[in-house]
Amino acid sequence: MRRALQRLLRAAGFQVQVYASGSEFMKHASASEQDCLVLDLHMPDMTGFDVQDALFASRIDIPVVVLTGHDTPGSRVRALENGARSYLCKPVDEDVLISAIASAIGGAGANANQ
């Protein structure tokens, strides 16, 4: 999934950096300048919620677009309350994902949902 998203987003004109886990991302989060984080809720070692919590605790402000294959009303509410700009369910339409990322980078405050 990670490689497919990387190819899609690069083809759409985004510069993309991928990480194998939430903890790997967090090792680099404060030192690099990401415009947006596309975050899966279910990952090894740290969940997407753990990453959101770590970003908040570290005072790192990166717009987040959440992807999940396990949608629940509680997950949706929690992700959005934790600051996600968008909450999208897999399989996600490519145009919807690209639009959500562009909106997050542009600073739009509307929470796009699918």
PDB file of N, CA and C in Angstrom:
ATOM      1  N   MET A   1       0.830  -1.195   0.000  1.00  0.00           N
ATOM      2  CA  MET A   1       0.000   0.000   0.000  1.00  0.00           C
ATOM      3  C   MET A   1       0.871   1.255   0.000  1.00  0.00           C
ATOM      4  N   ARG A   2       1.915   1.219   0.824  1.00  0.00           N
ATOM      5  CA  ARG A   2       2.807   2.379   0.948  1.00  0.00           C
ATOM      6  C   ARG A   2       3.454   2.720  -0.389  1.00  0.00           C
ATOM      7  N   ARG A   3       3.933   1.715  -1.096  1.00  0.00           N
ATOM      8  CA  ARG A   3       4.584   1.946  -2.393  1.00  0.00           C
ATOM      9  C   ARG A   3       3.583   2.425  -3.443  1.00  0.00           C
ATOM     10  N   ALA A   4       2.381   1.875  -3.429  1.00  0.00           N
ATOM     11  CA  ALA A   4       1.354   2.308  -4.383  1.00  0.00           C
ATOM     12  C   ALA A   4       0.986   3.769  -4.151  1.00  0.00           C
ATOM     13  N   LEU A   5       0.841   4.159  -2.895  1.00  0.00           N
ATOM     14  CA  LEU A   5       0.546   5.563  -2.581  1.00  0.00           C
ATOM     15  C   LEU A   5       1.702   6.460  -2.998  1.00  0.00           C
ATOM     16  N   GLN A   6       2.909   5.999  -2.777  1.00  0.00           N
ATOM     17  CA  GLN A   6       4.078   6.782  -3.173  1.00  0.00           C
ATOM     18  C   GLN A   6       4.054   7.043  -4.681  1.00  0.00           C
ATOM     19  N   ARG A   7       3.814   6.007  -5.473  1.00  0.00           N
ATOM     20  CA  ARG A   7       3.769   6.173  -6.929  1.00  0.00           C
ATOM     21  C   ARG A   7       2.635   7.109  -7.349  1.00  0.00           C
ATOM     22  N   LEU A   8       1.462   6.922  -6.757  1.00  0.00           N
ATOM     23  CA  LEU A   8       0.309   7.763  -7.091  1.00  0.00           C
ATOM     24  C   LEU A   8       0.596   9.229  -6.792  1.00  0.00           C
ATOM     25  N   LEU A   9       1.106   9.500  -5.611  1.00  0.00           N
ATOM     26  CA  LEU A   9       1.319  10.890  -5.204  1.00  0.00           C
ATOM     27  C   LEU A   9       2.456  11.542  -5.980  1.00  0.00           C
ATOM     28  N   ARG A  10       3.483  10.784  -6.301  1.00  0.00           N
ATOM     29  CA  ARG A  10       4.545  11.344  -7.143  1.00  0.00           C
ATOM     30  C   ARG A  10       4.016  11.656  -8.535  1.00  0.00           C
ATOM     31  N   ALA A  11       3.176  10.770  -9.077  1.00  0.00           N
ATOM     32  CA  ALA A  11       2.587  11.012 -10.397  1.00  0.00           C
ATOM     33  C   ALA A  11       1.689  12.251 -10.373  1.00  0.00           C
ATOM     34  N   ALA A  12       1.128  12.565  -9.205  1.00  0.00           N
ATOM     35  CA  ALA A  12       0.279  13.744  -9.064  1.00  0.00           C
ATOM     36  C   ALA A  12       1.094  15.014  -8.809  1.00  0.00           C
ATOM     37  N   GLY A  13       2.421  14.870  -8.728  1.00  0.00           N
ATOM     38  CA  GLY A  13       3.273  16.038  -8.582  1.00  0.00           C
ATOM     39  C   GLY A  13       3.752  16.330  -7.175  1.00  0.00           C
ATOM     40  N   PHE A  14       3.458  15.458  -6.220  1.00  0.00           N
ATOM     41  CA  PHE A  14       3.907  15.666  -4.842  1.00  0.00           C
ATOM     42  C   PHE A  14       5.298  15.080  -4.650  1.00  0.00           C
ATOM     43  N   GLN A  15       6.097  15.713  -3.812  1.00  0.00           N
ATOM     44  CA  GLN A  15       7.342  15.108  -3.354  1.00  0.00           C
ATOM     45  C   GLN A  15       6.960  14.212  -2.181  1.00  0.00           C
ATOM     46  N   VAL A  16       7.432  12.976  -2.193  1.00  0.00           N
ATOM     47  CA  VAL A  16       6.948  11.992  -1.232  1.00  0.00           C
ATOM     48  C   VAL A  16       8.110  11.340  -0.496  1.00  0.00           C
ATOM     49  N   GLN A  17       7.961  11.228   0.800  1.00  0.00           N
ATOM     50  CA  GLN A  17       8.881  10.464   1.641  1.00  0.00           C
ATOM     51  C   GLN A  17       8.046   9.411   2.353  1.00  0.00           C
ATOM     52  N   VAL A  18       8.472   8.148   2.320  1.00  0.00           N
ATOM     53  CA  VAL A  18       7.714   7.086   2.981  1.00  0.00           C
ATOM     54  C   VAL A  18       8.491   6.562   4.185  1.00  0.00           C
ATOM     55  N   TYR A  19       7.745   6.080   5.153  1.00  0.00           N
ATOM     56  CA  TYR A  19       8.312   5.516   6.373  1.00  0.00           C
ATOM     57  C   TYR A  19       7.641   4.177   6.624  1.00  0.00           C
ATOM     58  N   ALA A  20       8.405   3.229   7.149  1.00  0.00           N
ATOM     59  CA  ALA A  20       7.894   1.878   7.374  1.00  0.00           C
ATOM     60  C   ALA A  20       7.009   1.773   8.604  1.00  0.00           C
ATOM     61  N   SER A  21       7.098   2.753   9.497  1.00  0.00           N
ATOM     62  CA  SER A  21       6.316   2.696  10.734  1.00  0.00           C
ATOM     63  C   SER A  21       6.135   4.095  11.308  1.00  0.00           C
ATOM     64  N   GLY A  22       5.247   4.183  12.261  1.00  0.00           N
ATOM     65  CA  GLY A  22       5.031   5.457  12.935  1.00  0.00           C
ATOM     66  C   GLY A  22       6.251   5.911  13.711  1.00  0.00           C
ATOM     67  N   SER A  23       6.929   4.976  14.355  1.00  0.00           N
ATOM     68  CA  SER A  23       8.125   5.362  15.121  1.00  0.00           C
ATOM     69  C   SER A  23       9.250   5.825  14.199  1.00  0.00           C
ATOM     70  N   GLU A  24       9.364   5.214  13.021  1.00  0.00           N
ATOM     71  CA  GLU A  24      10.370   5.674  12.065  1.00  0.00           C
ATOM     72  C   GLU A  24      10.059   7.107  11.631  1.00  0.00           C
ATOM     73  N   PHE A  25       8.786   7.399  11.358  1.00  0.00           N
ATOM     74  CA  PHE A  25       8.398   8.760  10.994  1.00  0.00           C
ATOM     75  C   PHE A  25       8.729   9.732  12.128  1.00  0.00           C
ATOM     76  N   MET A  26       8.388   9.368  13.360  1.00  0.00           N
ATOM     77  CA  MET A  26       8.590  10.273  14.486  1.00  0.00           C
ATOM     78  C   MET A  26      10.062  10.592  14.711  1.00  0.00           C
ATOM     79  N   LYS A  27      10.972   9.680  14.340  1.00  0.00           N
ATOM     80  CA  LYS A  27      12.400   9.955  14.464  1.00  0.00           C
ATOM     81  C   LYS A  27      12.814  11.119  13.573  1.00  0.00           C
ATOM     82  N   HIS A  28      12.077  11.342  12.490  1.00  0.00           N
ATOM     83  CA  HIS A  28      12.432  12.377  11.513  1.00  0.00           C
ATOM     84  C   HIS A  28      11.479  13.573  11.525  1.00  0.00           C
ATOM     85  N   ALA A  29      10.396  13.486  12.254  1.00  0.00           N
ATOM     86  CA  ALA A  29       9.324  14.488  12.169  1.00  0.00           C
ATOM     87  C   ALA A  29       9.775  15.895  12.528  1.00  0.00           C
ATOM     88  N   SER A  30      10.569  16.035  13.559  1.00  0.00           N
ATOM     89  CA  SER A  30      10.947  17.389  13.984  1.00  0.00           C
ATOM     90  C   SER A  30      12.083  17.963  13.143  1.00  0.00           C
ATOM     91  N   ALA A  31      12.851  17.104  12.484  1.00  0.00           N
ATOM     92  CA  ALA A  31      14.013  17.576  11.730  1.00  0.00           C
ATOM     93  C   ALA A  31      13.693  17.906  10.275  1.00  0.00           C
ATOM     94  N   SER A  32      12.576  17.438   9.793  1.00  0.00           N
ATOM     95  CA  SER A  32      12.258  17.674   8.383  1.00  0.00           C
ATOM     96  C   SER A  32      11.013  18.539   8.260  1.00  0.00           C
ATOM     97  N   GLU A  33      10.779  18.975   7.060  1.00  0.00           N
ATOM     98  CA  GLU A  33       9.667  19.892   6.823  1.00  0.00           C
ATOM     99  C   GLU A  33       8.629  19.252   5.912  1.00  0.00           C
ATOM    100  N   GLN A  34       7.727  18.491   6.505  1.00  0.00           N
ATOM    101  CA  GLN A  34       6.647  17.894   5.742  1.00  0.00           C
ATOM    102  C   GLN A  34       5.499  18.886   5.637  1.00  0.00           C
ATOM    103  N   ASP A  35       4.870  18.880   4.472  1.00  0.00           N
ATOM    104  CA  ASP A  35       3.695  19.723   4.281  1.00  0.00           C
ATOM    105  C   ASP A  35       2.425  19.015   4.718  1.00  0.00           C
ATOM    106  N   CYS A  36       2.463  17.674   4.710  1.00  0.00           N
ATOM    107  CA  CYS A  36       1.279  16.894   5.039  1.00  0.00           C
ATOM    108  C   CYS A  36       1.713  15.473   5.372  1.00  0.00           C
ATOM    109  N   LEU A  37       0.994  14.835   6.270  1.00  0.00           N
ATOM    110  CA  LEU A  37       1.238  13.448   6.631  1.00  0.00           C
ATOM    111  C   LEU A  37       0.005  12.636   6.280  1.00  0.00           C
ATOM    112  N   VAL A  38       0.183  11.620   5.430  1.00  0.00           N
ATOM    113  CA  VAL A  38      -0.892  10.661   5.150  1.00  0.00           C
ATOM    114  C   VAL A  38      -0.650   9.508   6.100  1.00  0.00           C
ATOM    115  N   LEU A  39      -1.600   9.281   6.996  1.00  0.00           N
ATOM    116  CA  LEU A  39      -1.394   8.416   8.149  1.00  0.00           C
ATOM    117  C   LEU A  39      -2.430   7.305   8.193  1.00  0.00           C
ATOM    118  N   ASP A  40      -1.963   6.064   8.198  1.00  0.00           N
ATOM    119  CA  ASP A  40      -2.848   4.917   8.381  1.00  0.00           C
ATOM    120  C   ASP A  40      -3.067   4.736   9.880  1.00  0.00           C
ATOM    121  N   LEU A  41      -4.260   4.352  10.275  1.00  0.00           N
ATOM    122  CA  LEU A  41      -4.523   4.144  11.699  1.00  0.00           C
ATOM    123  C   LEU A  41      -3.926   2.850  12.210  1.00  0.00           C
ATOM    124  N   HIS A  42      -3.806   1.847  11.357  1.00  0.00           N
ATOM    125  CA  HIS A  42      -3.327   0.535  11.788  1.00  0.00           C
ATOM    126  C   HIS A  42      -1.955   0.269  11.189  1.00  0.00           C
ATOM    127  N   MET A  43      -0.931   0.461  12.036  1.00  0.00           N
ATOM    128  CA  MET A  43       0.453   0.276  11.615  1.00  0.00           C
ATOM    129  C   MET A  43       1.189  -0.524  12.685  1.00  0.00           C
ATOM    130  N   PRO A  44       2.334  -1.095  12.319  1.00  0.00           N
ATOM    131  CA  PRO A  44       3.126  -1.793  13.337  1.00  0.00           C
ATOM    132  C   PRO A  44       3.742  -0.815  14.328  1.00  0.00           C
ATOM    133  N   ASP A  45       3.872  -1.195  15.521  1.00  0.00           N
ATOM    134  CA  ASP A  45       4.525  -0.538  16.662  1.00  0.00           C
ATOM    135  C   ASP A  45       3.842   0.718  17.184  1.00  0.00           C
ATOM    136  N   MET A  46       3.343   1.573  16.346  1.00  0.00           N
ATOM    137  CA  MET A  46       2.581   2.756  16.785  1.00  0.00           C
ATOM    138  C   MET A  46       1.345   2.844  15.907  1.00  0.00           C
ATOM    139  N   THR A  47       0.190   3.015  16.512  1.00  0.00           N
ATOM    140  CA  THR A  47      -1.006   3.232  15.712  1.00  0.00           C
ATOM    141  C   THR A  47      -1.007   4.662  15.185  1.00  0.00           C
ATOM    142  N   GLY A  48      -1.896   4.935  14.263  1.00  0.00           N
ATOM    143  CA  GLY A  48      -2.050   6.305  13.795  1.00  0.00           C
ATOM    144  C   GLY A  48      -2.424   7.247  14.927  1.00  0.00           C
ATOM    145  N   PHE A  49      -3.229   6.741  15.866  1.00  0.00           N
ATOM    146  CA  PHE A  49      -3.586   7.559  17.030  1.00  0.00           C
ATOM    147  C   PHE A  49      -2.351   7.856  17.878  1.00  0.00           C
ATOM    148  N   ASP A  50      -1.473   6.866  18.029  1.00  0.00           N
ATOM    149  CA  ASP A  50      -0.229   7.090  18.775  1.00  0.00           C
ATOM    150  C   ASP A  50       0.615   8.176  18.102  1.00  0.00           C
ATOM    151  N   VAL A  51       0.676   8.150  16.781  1.00  0.00           N
ATOM    152  CA  VAL A  51       1.439   9.162  16.043  1.00  0.00           C
ATOM    153  C   VAL A  51       0.805  10.530  16.235  1.00  0.00           C
ATOM    154  N   GLN A  52      -0.513  10.617  16.125  1.00  0.00           N
ATOM    155  CA  GLN A  52      -1.180  11.902  16.361  1.00  0.00           C
ATOM    156  C   GLN A  52      -0.867  12.417  17.762  1.00  0.00           C
ATOM    157  N   ASP A  53      -0.938  11.540  18.761  1.00  0.00           N
ATOM    158  CA  ASP A  53      -0.637  11.944  20.139  1.00  0.00           C
ATOM    159  C   ASP A  53       0.805  12.411  20.276  1.00  0.00           C
ATOM    160  N   ALA A  54       1.737  11.695  19.639  1.00  0.00           N
ATOM    161  CA  ALA A  54       3.158  12.072  19.711  1.00  0.00           C
ATOM    162  C   ALA A  54       3.413  13.412  19.026  1.00  0.00           C
ATOM    163  N   LEU A  55       2.756  13.640  17.902  1.00  0.00           N
ATOM    164  CA  LEU A  55       2.896  14.936  17.223  1.00  0.00           C
ATOM    165  C   LEU A  55       2.414  16.063  18.125  1.00  0.00           C
ATOM    166  N   PHE A  56       1.259  15.870  18.751  1.00  0.00           N
ATOM    167  CA  PHE A  56       0.708  16.884  19.648  1.00  0.00           C
ATOM    168  C   PHE A  56       1.649  17.122  20.829  1.00  0.00           C
ATOM    169  N   ALA A  57       2.131  16.035  21.449  1.00  0.00           N
ATOM    170  CA  ALA A  57       3.021  16.158  22.605  1.00  0.00           C
ATOM    171  C   ALA A  57       4.328  16.851  22.242  1.00  0.00           C
ATOM    172  N   SER A  58       4.782  16.640  21.021  1.00  0.00           N
ATOM    173  CA  SER A  58       6.033  17.255  20.558  1.00  0.00           C
ATOM    174  C   SER A  58       5.828  18.648  19.978  1.00  0.00           C
ATOM    175  N   ARG A  59       4.588  19.092  19.951  1.00  0.00           N
ATOM    176  CA  ARG A  59       4.222  20.389  19.377  1.00  0.00           C
ATOM    177  C   ARG A  59       4.661  20.515  17.921  1.00  0.00           C
ATOM    178  N   ILE A  60       4.511  19.418  17.194  1.00  0.00           N
ATOM    179  CA  ILE A  60       4.815  19.399  15.768  1.00  0.00           C
ATOM    180  C   ILE A  60       3.486  19.529  15.035  1.00  0.00           C
ATOM    181  N   ASP A  61       3.358  20.597  14.276  1.00  0.00           N
ATOM    182  CA  ASP A  61       2.102  20.893  13.598  1.00  0.00           C
ATOM    183  C   ASP A  61       2.214  20.533  12.120  1.00  0.00           C
ATOM    184  N   ILE A  62       1.776  19.333  11.784  1.00  0.00           N
ATOM    185  CA  ILE A  62       1.757  18.850  10.402  1.00  0.00           C
ATOM    186  C   ILE A  62       0.320  18.485  10.071  1.00  0.00           C
ATOM    187  N   PRO A  63      -0.237  19.019   9.006  1.00  0.00           N
ATOM    188  CA  PRO A  63      -1.583  18.598   8.620  1.00  0.00           C
ATOM    189  C   PRO A  63      -1.608  17.089   8.357  1.00  0.00           C
ATOM    190  N   VAL A  64      -2.633  16.427   8.872  1.00  0.00           N
ATOM    191  CA  VAL A  64      -2.736  14.972   8.770  1.00  0.00           C
ATOM    192  C   VAL A  64      -3.979  14.589   7.988  1.00  0.00           C
ATOM    193  N   VAL A  65      -3.789  13.666   7.044  1.00  0.00           N
ATOM    194  CA  VAL A  65      -4.890  13.013   6.334  1.00  0.00           C
ATOM    195  C   VAL A  65      -4.861  11.558   6.779  1.00  0.00           C
ATOM    196  N   VAL A  66      -5.931  11.104   7.407  1.00  0.00           N
ATOM    197  CA  VAL A  66      -6.003   9.745   7.931  1.00  0.00           C
ATOM    198  C   VAL A  66      -6.640   8.823   6.905  1.00  0.00           C
ATOM    199  N   LEU A  67      -6.028   7.648   6.744  1.00  0.00           N
ATOM    200  CA  LEU A  67      -6.576   6.566   5.926  1.00  0.00           C
ATOM    201  C   LEU A  67      -6.833   5.374   6.833  1.00  0.00           C
ATOM    202  N   THR A  68      -7.934   4.686   6.616  1.00  0.00           N
ATOM    203  CA  THR A  68      -8.173   3.484   7.388  1.00  0.00           C
ATOM    204  C   THR A  68      -8.986   2.480   6.597  1.00  0.00           C
ATOM    205  N   GLY A  69      -8.709   1.234   6.851  1.00  0.00           N
ATOM    206  CA  GLY A  69      -9.501   0.146   6.298  1.00  0.00           C
ATOM    207  C   GLY A  69     -10.444  -0.405   7.333  1.00  0.00           C
ATOM    208  N   HIS A  70     -10.431   0.178   8.532  1.00  0.00           N
ATOM    209  CA  HIS A  70     -11.243  -0.292   9.653  1.00  0.00           C
ATOM    210  C   HIS A  70     -12.046   0.869  10.232  1.00  0.00           C
ATOM    211  N   ASP A  71     -12.954   1.387   9.445  1.00  0.00           N
ATOM    212  CA  ASP A  71     -13.739   2.551   9.849  1.00  0.00           C
ATOM    213  C   ASP A  71     -14.717   2.194  10.960  1.00  0.00           C
ATOM    214  N   THR A  72     -14.695   2.998  11.994  1.00  0.00           N
ATOM    215  CA  THR A  72     -15.707   2.931  13.048  1.00  0.00           C
ATOM    216  C   THR A  72     -16.078   4.364  13.397  1.00  0.00           C
ATOM    217  N   PRO A  73     -17.293   4.573  13.893  1.00  0.00           N
ATOM    218  CA  PRO A  73     -17.647   5.939  14.290  1.00  0.00           C
ATOM    219  C   PRO A  73     -16.672   6.501  15.328  1.00  0.00           C
ATOM    220  N   GLY A  74     -16.225   5.669  16.261  1.00  0.00           N
ATOM    221  CA  GLY A  74     -15.288   6.134  17.282  1.00  0.00           C
ATOM    222  C   GLY A  74     -13.941   6.532  16.705  1.00  0.00           C
ATOM    223  N   SER A  75     -13.463   5.760  15.732  1.00  0.00           N
ATOM    224  CA  SER A  75     -12.177   6.087  15.100  1.00  0.00           C
ATOM    225  C   SER A  75     -12.266   7.399  14.354  1.00  0.00           C
ATOM    226  N   ARG A  76     -13.352   7.576  13.624  1.00  0.00           N
ATOM    227  CA  ARG A  76     -13.553   8.813  12.864  1.00  0.00           C
ATOM    228  C   ARG A  76     -13.549  10.017  13.797  1.00  0.00           C
ATOM    229  N   VAL A  77     -14.331   9.942  14.860  1.00  0.00           N
ATOM    230  CA  VAL A  77     -14.423  11.055  15.807  1.00  0.00           C
ATOM    231  C   VAL A  77     -13.069  11.321  16.448  1.00  0.00           C
ATOM    232  N   ARG A  78     -12.404  10.255  16.894  1.00  0.00           N
ATOM    233  CA  ARG A  78     -11.109  10.436  17.561  1.00  0.00           C
ATOM    234  C   ARG A  78     -10.071  11.045  16.632  1.00  0.00           C
ATOM    235  N   ALA A  79      -9.982  10.556  15.409  1.00  0.00           N
ATOM    236  CA  ALA A  79      -8.987  11.088  14.469  1.00  0.00           C
ATOM    237  C   ALA A  79      -9.233  12.565  14.186  1.00  0.00           C
ATOM    238  N   LEU A  80     -10.479  12.923  13.946  1.00  0.00           N
ATOM    239  CA  LEU A  80     -10.802  14.321  13.647  1.00  0.00           C
ATOM    240  C   LEU A  80     -10.619  15.211  14.872  1.00  0.00           C
ATOM    241  N   GLU A  81     -11.002  14.715  16.051  1.00  0.00           N
ATOM    242  CA  GLU A  81     -10.792  15.502  17.275  1.00  0.00           C
ATOM    243  C   GLU A  81      -9.311  15.681  17.574  1.00  0.00           C
ATOM    244  N   ASN A  82      -8.485  14.725  17.128  1.00  0.00           N
ATOM    245  CA  ASN A  82      -7.039  14.827  17.308  1.00  0.00           C
ATOM    246  C   ASN A  82      -6.376  15.692  16.238  1.00  0.00           C
ATOM    247  N   GLY A  83      -7.188  16.313  15.388  1.00  0.00           N
ATOM    248  CA  GLY A  83      -6.657  17.294  14.452  1.00  0.00           C
ATOM    249  C   GLY A  83      -6.523  16.861  13.009  1.00  0.00           C
ATOM    250  N   ALA A  84      -6.936  15.638  12.675  1.00  0.00           N
ATOM    251  CA  ALA A  84      -6.849  15.222  11.273  1.00  0.00           C
ATOM    252  C   ALA A  84      -7.671  16.167  10.410  1.00  0.00           C
ATOM    253  N   ARG A  85      -7.120  16.544   9.276  1.00  0.00           N
ATOM    254  CA  ARG A  85      -7.836  17.418   8.342  1.00  0.00           C
ATOM    255  C   ARG A  85      -8.872  16.641   7.550  1.00  0.00           C
ATOM    256  N   SER A  86      -8.560  15.353   7.294  1.00  0.00           N
ATOM    257  CA  SER A  86      -9.466  14.487   6.547  1.00  0.00           C
ATOM    258  C   SER A  86      -9.390  13.083   7.118  1.00  0.00           C
ATOM    259  N   TYR A  87     -10.474  12.362   6.977  1.00  0.00           N
ATOM    260  CA  TYR A  87     -10.568  10.968   7.402  1.00  0.00           C
ATOM    261  C   TYR A  87     -11.153  10.202   6.226  1.00  0.00           C
ATOM    262  N   LEU A  88     -10.349   9.355   5.624  1.00  0.00           N
ATOM    263  CA  LEU A  88     -10.738   8.648   4.408  1.00  0.00           C
ATOM    264  C   LEU A  88     -10.688   7.150   4.627  1.00  0.00           C
ATOM    265  N   CYS A  89     -11.642   6.452   4.028  1.00  0.00           N
ATOM    266  CA  CYS A  89     -11.726   5.000   4.160  1.00  0.00           C
ATOM    267  C   CYS A  89     -11.182   4.311   2.927  1.00  0.00           C
ATOM    268  N   LYS A  90     -10.425   3.233   3.149  1.00  0.00           N
ATOM    269  CA  LYS A  90      -9.912   2.412   2.059  1.00  0.00           C
ATOM    270  C   LYS A  90     -11.028   1.498   1.568  1.00  0.00           C
ATOM    271  N   PRO A  91     -11.067   1.205   0.316  1.00  0.00           N
ATOM    272  CA  PRO A  91     -10.207   1.769  -0.712  1.00  0.00           C
ATOM    273  C   PRO A  91     -10.627   3.208  -0.997  1.00  0.00           C
ATOM    274  N   VAL A  92      -9.667   4.073  -1.112  1.00  0.00           N
ATOM    275  CA  VAL A  92      -9.942   5.488  -1.313  1.00  0.00           C
ATOM    276  C   VAL A  92      -9.807   5.825  -2.795  1.00  0.00           C
ATOM    277  N   ASP A  93     -10.699   6.646  -3.269  1.00  0.00           N
ATOM    278  CA  ASP A  93     -10.627   7.147  -4.643  1.00  0.00           C
ATOM    279  C   ASP A  93      -9.403   8.046  -4.753  1.00  0.00           C
ATOM    280  N   GLU A  94      -8.624   7.853  -5.807  1.00  0.00           N
ATOM    281  CA  GLU A  94      -7.380   8.616  -5.983  1.00  0.00           C
ATOM    282  C   GLU A  94      -7.626  10.117  -5.994  1.00  0.00           C
ATOM    283  N   ASP A  95      -8.653  10.552  -6.687  1.00  0.00           N
ATOM    284  CA  ASP A  95      -8.934  11.993  -6.769  1.00  0.00           C
ATOM    285  C   ASP A  95      -9.340  12.558  -5.416  1.00  0.00           C
ATOM    286  N   VAL A  96     -10.066  11.772  -4.628  1.00  0.00           N
ATOM    287  CA  VAL A  96     -10.471  12.224  -3.290  1.00  0.00           C
ATOM    288  C   VAL A  96      -9.240  12.372  -2.404  1.00  0.00           C
ATOM    289  N   LEU A  97      -8.334  11.408  -2.469  1.00  0.00           N
ATOM    290  CA  LEU A  97      -7.106  11.478  -1.672  1.00  0.00           C
ATOM    291  C   LEU A  97      -6.256  12.675  -2.074  1.00  0.00           C
ATOM    292  N   ILE A  98      -6.047  12.850  -3.349  1.00  0.00           N
ATOM    293  CA  ILE A  98      -5.232  13.974  -3.826  1.00  0.00           C
ATOM    294  C   ILE A  98      -5.871  15.299  -3.431  1.00  0.00           C
ATOM    295  N   SER A  99      -7.173  15.386  -3.533  1.00  0.00           N
ATOM    296  CA  SER A  99      -7.887  16.603  -3.119  1.00  0.00           C
ATOM    297  C   SER A  99      -7.738  16.854  -1.618  1.00  0.00           C
ATOM    298  N   ALA A 100      -7.827  15.806  -0.821  1.00  0.00           N
ATOM    299  CA  ALA A 100      -7.689  15.953   0.629  1.00  0.00           C
ATOM    300  C   ALA A 100      -6.286  16.433   0.993  1.00  0.00           C
ATOM    301  N   ILE A 101      -5.277  15.896   0.333  1.00  0.00           N
ATOM    302  CA  ILE A 101      -3.904  16.323   0.595  1.00  0.00           C
ATOM    303  C   ILE A 101      -3.709  17.777   0.169  1.00  0.00           C
ATOM    304  N   ALA A 102      -4.179  18.122  -1.009  1.00  0.00           N
ATOM    305  CA  ALA A 102      -4.048  19.499  -1.488  1.00  0.00           C
ATOM    306  C   ALA A 102      -4.758  20.460  -0.540  1.00  0.00           C
ATOM    307  N   SER A 103      -5.916  20.080  -0.053  1.00  0.00           N
ATOM    308  CA  SER A 103      -6.661  20.909   0.882  1.00  0.00           C
ATOM    309  C   SER A 103      -5.895  21.063   2.201  1.00  0.00           C
ATOM    310  N   ALA A 104      -5.322  19.961   2.696  1.00  0.00           N
ATOM    311  CA  ALA A 104      -4.559  20.018   3.942  1.00  0.00           C
ATOM    312  C   ALA A 104      -3.330  20.909   3.797  1.00  0.00           C
ATOM    313  N   ILE A 105      -2.651  20.798   2.672  1.00  0.00           N
ATOM    314  CA  ILE A 105      -1.466  21.624   2.430  1.00  0.00           C
ATOM    315  C   ILE A 105      -1.854  23.093   2.298  1.00  0.00           C
ATOM    316  N   GLY A 106      -3.002  23.323   1.677  1.00  0.00           N
ATOM    317  CA  GLY A 106      -3.473  24.688   1.485  1.00  0.00           C
ATOM    318  C   GLY A 106      -4.042  25.318   2.741  1.00  0.00           C
ATOM    319  N   GLY A 107      -4.167  24.524   3.795  1.00  0.00           N
ATOM    320  CA  GLY A 107      -4.644  25.055   5.069  1.00  0.00           C
ATOM    321  C   GLY A 107      -6.145  25.095   5.222  1.00  0.00           C
ATOM    322  N   ALA A 108      -6.872  24.493   4.310  1.00  0.00           N
ATOM    323  CA  ALA A 108      -8.328  24.484   4.433  1.00  0.00           C
ATOM    324  C   ALA A 108      -8.711  23.733   5.702  1.00  0.00           C
ATOM    325  N   GLY A 109      -9.611  24.308   6.455  1.00  0.00           N
ATOM    326  CA  GLY A 109     -10.002  23.709   7.734  1.00  0.00           C
ATOM    327  C   GLY A 109     -11.112  22.706   7.647  1.00  0.00           C
ATOM    328  N   ALA A 110     -11.739  22.548   6.519  1.00  0.00           N
ATOM    329  CA  ALA A 110     -12.847  21.618   6.423  1.00  0.00           C
ATOM    330  C   ALA A 110     -12.349  20.185   6.508  1.00  0.00           C
ATOM    331  N   ASN A 111     -13.005  19.374   7.300  1.00  0.00           N
ATOM    332  CA  ASN A 111     -12.648  17.970   7.447  1.00  0.00           C
ATOM    333  C   ASN A 111     -13.344  17.175   6.366  1.00  0.00           C
ATOM    334  N   ALA A 112     -12.614  16.779   5.332  1.00  0.00           N
ATOM    335  CA  ALA A 112     -13.176  15.976   4.268  1.00  0.00           C
ATOM    336  C   ALA A 112     -13.329  14.555   4.735  1.00  0.00           C
ATOM    337  N   ASN A 113     -14.457  13.963   4.448  1.00  0.00           N
ATOM    338  CA  ASN A 113     -14.728  12.599   4.861  1.00  0.00           C
ATOM    339  C   ASN A 113     -15.217  11.794   3.678  1.00  0.00           C
ATOM    340  N   GLN A 114     -14.865  10.526   3.691  1.00  0.00           N
ATOM    341  CA  GLN A 114     -15.377   9.617   2.685  1.00  0.00           C
ATOM    342  C   GLN A 114     -15.943   8.429   3.382  1.00  0.00           C
TER     343      GLN A 114
END
